[in-house]
Amino acid sequence: MIKMSKRPIRAAVVTVSDTRTESNDISGQRLAELLGTLGAEIIEKAIVSDDLSDIRNTIYSLAERDDVNLVITTGGTGLAPRDNTPEATQAVIEYEVPGIPQATRLASMTKTPMSMLSRGICGVRNGTLIINFPGSTNAVIECFEVIRPVLQHAIDLIGGNTSHGAN
């Protein structure tokens, strides 16, 4: 059996907020640092408003790029009127990966009951995994630790490496 090599993770981090700027985007910066611990290359970091079309257009354009295979958003997943990230993501993805947001919410609920209010989703478009995280820095850290063990395998599977041999 030929063993396929791991697919490099080439990520975009998108902070969704009407108030964040490059100088105060702690969640986005922390997410980029956490991805770096996996050896991911950060291709782009962006901050977009909570406007539904801005979020949708940003996620869509990143997923259509050949040099991006992972988009993680932070922010806009709650119940506030301008929390539009799940709807924007739903409009872009080809299919959902429900286990990732289920697992992040379940793990986060051991720390705060507020996590059950997060509406983040996960899915795939054009060979790109798209994951919604809440906007708080603590939530980003907690959610990332949940996906850390499966992220590389997910990227490999989406990229066509479906071997399940011993690693």
C-alpha atoms as a PDB file:
ATOM      1  CA  MET A   1       0.000   0.000   0.000  1.00  0.00           C
ATOM      2  CA  ILE A   2       1.272   3.462  -0.890  1.00  0.00           C
ATOM      3  CA  LYS A   3       1.088   5.830   2.041  1.00  0.00           C
ATOM      4  CA  MET A   4       0.056   9.333   1.047  1.00  0.00           C
ATOM      5  CA  SER A   5       1.742  12.228   2.775  1.00  0.00           C
ATOM      6  CA  LYS A   6      -0.162  14.686   4.896  1.00  0.00           C
ATOM      7  CA  ARG A   7      -1.745  17.564   3.045  1.00  0.00           C
ATOM      8  CA  PRO A   8      -0.372  20.900   4.241  1.00  0.00           C
ATOM      9  CA  ILE A   9      -2.923  22.963   6.142  1.00  0.00           C
ATOM     10  CA  ARG A  10      -3.282  26.338   4.447  1.00  0.00           C
ATOM     11  CA  ALA A  11      -5.633  28.391   6.561  1.00  0.00           C
ATOM     12  CA  ALA A  12      -7.563  31.622   6.522  1.00  0.00           C
ATOM     13  CA  VAL A  13      -8.715  33.139   9.812  1.00  0.00           C
ATOM     14  CA  VAL A  14     -11.791  35.362   9.551  1.00  0.00           C
ATOM     15  CA  THR A  15     -12.886  37.506  12.482  1.00  0.00           C
ATOM     16  CA  VAL A  16     -16.520  38.539  12.210  1.00  0.00           C
ATOM     17  CA  SER A  17     -17.212  41.726  14.135  1.00  0.00           C
ATOM     18  CA  ASP A  18     -18.461  45.266  13.791  1.00  0.00           C
ATOM     19  CA  THR A  19     -16.014  46.439  16.461  1.00  0.00           C
ATOM     20  CA  ARG A  20     -12.766  44.472  16.071  1.00  0.00           C
ATOM     21  CA  THR A  21      -9.732  45.966  14.377  1.00  0.00           C
ATOM     22  CA  GLU A  22      -6.321  44.531  13.645  1.00  0.00           C
ATOM     23  CA  SER A  23      -5.017  45.990  16.908  1.00  0.00           C
ATOM     24  CA  ASN A  24      -7.719  44.489  19.156  1.00  0.00           C
ATOM     25  CA  ASP A  25      -8.504  41.211  17.372  1.00  0.00           C
ATOM     26  CA  ILE A  26      -7.245  38.947  20.156  1.00  0.00           C
ATOM     27  CA  SER A  27      -9.410  35.958  19.175  1.00  0.00           C
ATOM     28  CA  GLY A  28      -8.258  35.989  15.565  1.00  0.00           C
ATOM     29  CA  GLN A  29      -4.622  36.372  16.595  1.00  0.00           C
ATOM     30  CA  ARG A  30      -4.893  33.532  19.100  1.00  0.00           C
ATOM     31  CA  LEU A  31      -6.552  31.304  16.504  1.00  0.00           C
ATOM     32  CA  ALA A  32      -3.720  31.959  14.051  1.00  0.00           C
ATOM     33  CA  GLU A  33      -1.178  31.098  16.773  1.00  0.00           C
ATOM     34  CA  LEU A  34      -3.003  27.854  17.612  1.00  0.00           C
ATOM     35  CA  LEU A  35      -3.079  26.855  13.951  1.00  0.00           C
ATOM     36  CA  GLY A  36       0.642  27.531  13.819  1.00  0.00           C
ATOM     37  CA  THR A  37       1.214  24.914  16.522  1.00  0.00           C
ATOM     38  CA  LEU A  38      -0.035  22.348  13.983  1.00  0.00           C
ATOM     39  CA  GLY A  39       2.313  23.668  11.325  1.00  0.00           C
ATOM     40  CA  ALA A  40      -0.496  25.362   9.421  1.00  0.00           C
ATOM     41  CA  GLU A  41       0.411  28.166   7.085  1.00  0.00           C
ATOM     42  CA  ILE A  42      -1.757  31.226   7.629  1.00  0.00           C
ATOM     43  CA  ILE A  43      -2.551  32.368   4.105  1.00  0.00           C
ATOM     44  CA  GLU A  44      -4.841  35.201   5.110  1.00  0.00           C
ATOM     45  CA  LYS A  45      -6.301  36.931   8.164  1.00  0.00           C
ATOM     46  CA  ALA A  46      -9.368  39.079   7.641  1.00  0.00           C
ATOM     47  CA  ILE A  47     -11.804  41.083   9.707  1.00  0.00           C
ATOM     48  CA  VAL A  48     -15.289  41.483   8.258  1.00  0.00           C
ATOM     49  CA  SER A  49     -18.401  43.225   9.535  1.00  0.00           C
ATOM     50  CA  ASP A  50     -21.364  41.281  10.875  1.00  0.00           C
ATOM     51  CA  ASP A  51     -23.204  42.003   7.630  1.00  0.00           C
ATOM     52  CA  LEU A  52     -24.522  38.745   6.159  1.00  0.00           C
ATOM     53  CA  SER A  53     -23.380  39.469   2.607  1.00  0.00           C
ATOM     54  CA  ASP A  54     -19.891  40.564   3.743  1.00  0.00           C
ATOM     55  CA  ILE A  55     -19.417  37.322   5.677  1.00  0.00           C
ATOM     56  CA  ARG A  56     -20.824  35.165   2.880  1.00  0.00           C
ATOM     57  CA  ASN A  57     -18.721  36.839   0.192  1.00  0.00           C
ATOM     58  CA  THR A  58     -15.549  36.557   2.271  1.00  0.00           C
ATOM     59  CA  ILE A  59     -16.029  32.866   3.072  1.00  0.00           C
ATOM     60  CA  TYR A  60     -16.994  32.113  -0.524  1.00  0.00           C
ATOM     61  CA  SER A  61     -13.980  33.867  -2.033  1.00  0.00           C
ATOM     62  CA  LEU A  62     -11.583  32.176   0.398  1.00  0.00           C
ATOM     63  CA  ALA A  63     -13.066  28.727  -0.291  1.00  0.00           C
ATOM     64  CA  GLU A  64     -12.690  29.259  -4.030  1.00  0.00           C
ATOM     65  CA  ARG A  65      -8.957  29.926  -3.738  1.00  0.00           C
ATOM     66  CA  ASP A  66      -6.530  27.134  -4.634  1.00  0.00           C
ATOM     67  CA  ASP A  67      -4.125  28.109  -1.854  1.00  0.00           C
ATOM     68  CA  VAL A  68      -6.656  27.780   1.032  1.00  0.00           C
ATOM     69  CA  ASN A  69      -8.039  24.478   2.373  1.00  0.00           C
ATOM     70  CA  LEU A  70      -9.256  25.625   5.797  1.00  0.00           C
ATOM     71  CA  VAL A  71     -11.305  28.656   6.817  1.00  0.00           C
ATOM     72  CA  ILE A  72     -12.048  29.210  10.494  1.00  0.00           C
ATOM     73  CA  THR A  73     -14.276  32.073  11.497  1.00  0.00           C
ATOM     74  CA  THR A  74     -14.447  33.560  14.971  1.00  0.00           C
ATOM     75  CA  GLY A  75     -17.478  35.569  16.023  1.00  0.00           C
ATOM     76  CA  GLY A  76     -21.062  36.054  14.961  1.00  0.00           C
ATOM     77  CA  THR A  77     -22.365  32.654  16.097  1.00  0.00           C
ATOM     78  CA  GLY A  78     -24.676  33.741  18.927  1.00  0.00           C
ATOM     79  CA  LEU A  79     -28.259  34.913  19.186  1.00  0.00           C
ATOM     80  CA  ALA A  80     -27.831  38.655  18.690  1.00  0.00           C
ATOM     81  CA  PRO A  81     -29.612  40.205  15.707  1.00  0.00           C
ATOM     82  CA  ARG A  82     -26.325  40.748  13.809  1.00  0.00           C
ATOM     83  CA  ASP A  83     -24.907  37.270  14.489  1.00  0.00           C
ATOM     84  CA  ASN A  84     -24.987  36.073  10.877  1.00  0.00           C
ATOM     85  CA  THR A  85     -21.994  33.769  10.552  1.00  0.00           C
ATOM     86  CA  PRO A  86     -23.930  30.462  10.521  1.00  0.00           C
ATOM     87  CA  GLU A  87     -26.348  31.710   7.852  1.00  0.00           C
ATOM     88  CA  ALA A  88     -23.485  33.023   5.725  1.00  0.00           C
ATOM     89  CA  THR A  89     -21.636  29.735   6.057  1.00  0.00           C
ATOM     90  CA  GLN A  90     -24.752  27.697   5.274  1.00  0.00           C
ATOM     91  CA  ALA A  91     -25.211  29.709   2.070  1.00  0.00           C
ATOM     92  CA  VAL A  92     -21.694  28.788   0.923  1.00  0.00           C
ATOM     93  CA  ILE A  93     -21.069  25.165   1.910  1.00  0.00           C
ATOM     94  CA  GLU A  94     -21.762  22.147  -0.296  1.00  0.00           C
ATOM     95  CA  TYR A  95     -22.260  19.801   2.660  1.00  0.00           C
ATOM     96  CA  GLU A  96     -22.194  19.960   6.451  1.00  0.00           C
ATOM     97  CA  VAL A  97     -19.818  18.283   8.894  1.00  0.00           C
ATOM     98  CA  PRO A  98     -22.077  18.344  11.967  1.00  0.00           C
ATOM     99  CA  GLY A  99     -19.823  16.408  14.341  1.00  0.00           C
ATOM    100  CA  ILE A 100     -17.311  19.247  14.690  1.00  0.00           C
ATOM    101  CA  PRO A 101     -19.710  21.897  16.065  1.00  0.00           C
ATOM    102  CA  GLN A 102     -21.504  19.253  18.119  1.00  0.00           C
ATOM    103  CA  ALA A 103     -18.211  18.240  19.739  1.00  0.00           C
ATOM    104  CA  THR A 104     -17.075  21.809  20.384  1.00  0.00           C
ATOM    105  CA  ARG A 105     -20.381  22.757  22.017  1.00  0.00           C
ATOM    106  CA  LEU A 106     -20.426  19.608  24.138  1.00  0.00           C
ATOM    107  CA  ALA A 107     -16.865  20.124  25.382  1.00  0.00           C
ATOM    108  CA  SER A 108     -17.429  23.831  25.998  1.00  0.00           C
ATOM    109  CA  MET A 109     -20.553  23.127  28.043  1.00  0.00           C
ATOM    110  CA  THR A 110     -18.337  21.577  30.727  1.00  0.00           C
ATOM    111  CA  LYS A 111     -16.897  25.084  31.207  1.00  0.00           C
ATOM    112  CA  THR A 112     -19.929  27.322  30.584  1.00  0.00           C
ATOM    113  CA  PRO A 113     -23.598  26.656  29.921  1.00  0.00           C
ATOM    114  CA  MET A 114     -23.571  29.644  27.536  1.00  0.00           C
ATOM    115  CA  SER A 115     -21.905  27.474  24.883  1.00  0.00           C
ATOM    116  CA  MET A 116     -25.268  25.888  24.086  1.00  0.00           C
ATOM    117  CA  LEU A 117     -26.247  29.267  22.627  1.00  0.00           C
ATOM    118  CA  SER A 118     -23.558  29.051  19.938  1.00  0.00           C
ATOM    119  CA  ARG A 119     -24.990  28.332  16.504  1.00  0.00           C
ATOM    120  CA  GLY A 120     -21.707  27.746  14.690  1.00  0.00           C
ATOM    121  CA  ILE A 121     -21.679  25.197  11.894  1.00  0.00           C
ATOM    122  CA  CYS A 122     -19.054  23.402   9.843  1.00  0.00           C
ATOM    123  CA  GLY A 123     -19.003  22.307   6.240  1.00  0.00           C
ATOM    124  CA  VAL A 124     -17.027  21.922   3.053  1.00  0.00           C
ATOM    125  CA  ARG A 125     -16.912  23.918  -0.145  1.00  0.00           C
ATOM    126  CA  ASN A 126     -14.555  23.302  -3.039  1.00  0.00           C
ATOM    127  CA  GLY A 127     -12.212  21.130  -0.983  1.00  0.00           C
ATOM    128  CA  THR A 128     -12.074  23.685   1.831  1.00  0.00           C
ATOM    129  CA  LEU A 129     -13.142  22.915   5.397  1.00  0.00           C
ATOM    130  CA  ILE A 130     -15.068  25.836   6.922  1.00  0.00           C
ATOM    131  CA  ILE A 131     -15.548  25.972  10.703  1.00  0.00           C
ATOM    132  CA  ASN A 132     -17.365  28.599  12.797  1.00  0.00           C
ATOM    133  CA  PHE A 133     -16.032  29.374  16.276  1.00  0.00           C
ATOM    134  CA  PRO A 134     -17.539  31.792  18.804  1.00  0.00           C
ATOM    135  CA  GLY A 135     -15.870  35.171  19.188  1.00  0.00           C
ATOM    136  CA  SER A 136     -14.445  35.012  22.690  1.00  0.00           C
ATOM    137  CA  THR A 137     -10.779  34.184  23.076  1.00  0.00           C
ATOM    138  CA  ASN A 138     -11.533  31.500  25.673  1.00  0.00           C
ATOM    139  CA  ALA A 139     -14.042  29.868  23.329  1.00  0.00           C
ATOM    140  CA  VAL A 140     -11.515  29.901  20.489  1.00  0.00           C
ATOM    141  CA  ILE A 141      -8.953  28.143  22.681  1.00  0.00           C
ATOM    142  CA  GLU A 142     -11.471  25.584  23.983  1.00  0.00           C
ATOM    143  CA  CYS A 143     -12.922  24.832  20.556  1.00  0.00           C
ATOM    144  CA  PHE A 144      -9.519  24.530  18.942  1.00  0.00           C
ATOM    145  CA  GLU A 145      -8.417  21.961  21.508  1.00  0.00           C
ATOM    146  CA  VAL A 146     -11.470  19.891  20.584  1.00  0.00           C
ATOM    147  CA  ILE A 147     -10.706  19.890  16.840  1.00  0.00           C
ATOM    148  CA  ARG A 148      -6.919  19.621  17.178  1.00  0.00           C
ATOM    149  CA  PRO A 149      -6.821  15.789  17.098  1.00  0.00           C
ATOM    150  CA  VAL A 150      -8.959  15.508  13.942  1.00  0.00           C
ATOM    151  CA  LEU A 151      -8.065  18.602  11.932  1.00  0.00           C
ATOM    152  CA  GLN A 152      -5.176  17.140   9.924  1.00  0.00           C
ATOM    153  CA  HIS A 153      -7.143  13.977   9.157  1.00  0.00           C
ATOM    154  CA  ALA A 154     -10.143  16.044   8.018  1.00  0.00           C
ATOM    155  CA  ILE A 155      -7.960  18.115   5.679  1.00  0.00           C
ATOM    156  CA  ASP A 156      -6.365  14.931   4.313  1.00  0.00           C
ATOM    157  CA  LEU A 157      -9.762  13.287   3.697  1.00  0.00           C
ATOM    158  CA  ILE A 158     -11.185  16.338   1.953  1.00  0.00           C
ATOM    159  CA  GLY A 159      -8.052  16.430  -0.188  1.00  0.00           C
ATOM    160  CA  GLY A 160      -8.571  12.840  -1.325  1.00  0.00           C
ATOM    161  CA  ASN A 161      -6.281  10.941   1.028  1.00  0.00           C
ATOM    162  CA  THR A 162      -8.722   8.314   2.224  1.00  0.00           C
ATOM    163  CA  SER A 163      -6.154   5.796   3.463  1.00  0.00           C
ATOM    164  CA  HIS A 164      -6.779   4.632   6.994  1.00  0.00           C
ATOM    165  CA  GLY A 165      -3.596   2.644   7.524  1.00  0.00           C
ATOM    166  CA  ALA A 166      -1.515   2.826  10.670  1.00  0.00           C
ATOM    167  CA  ASN A 167       0.336   6.151  10.988  1.00  0.00           C
END
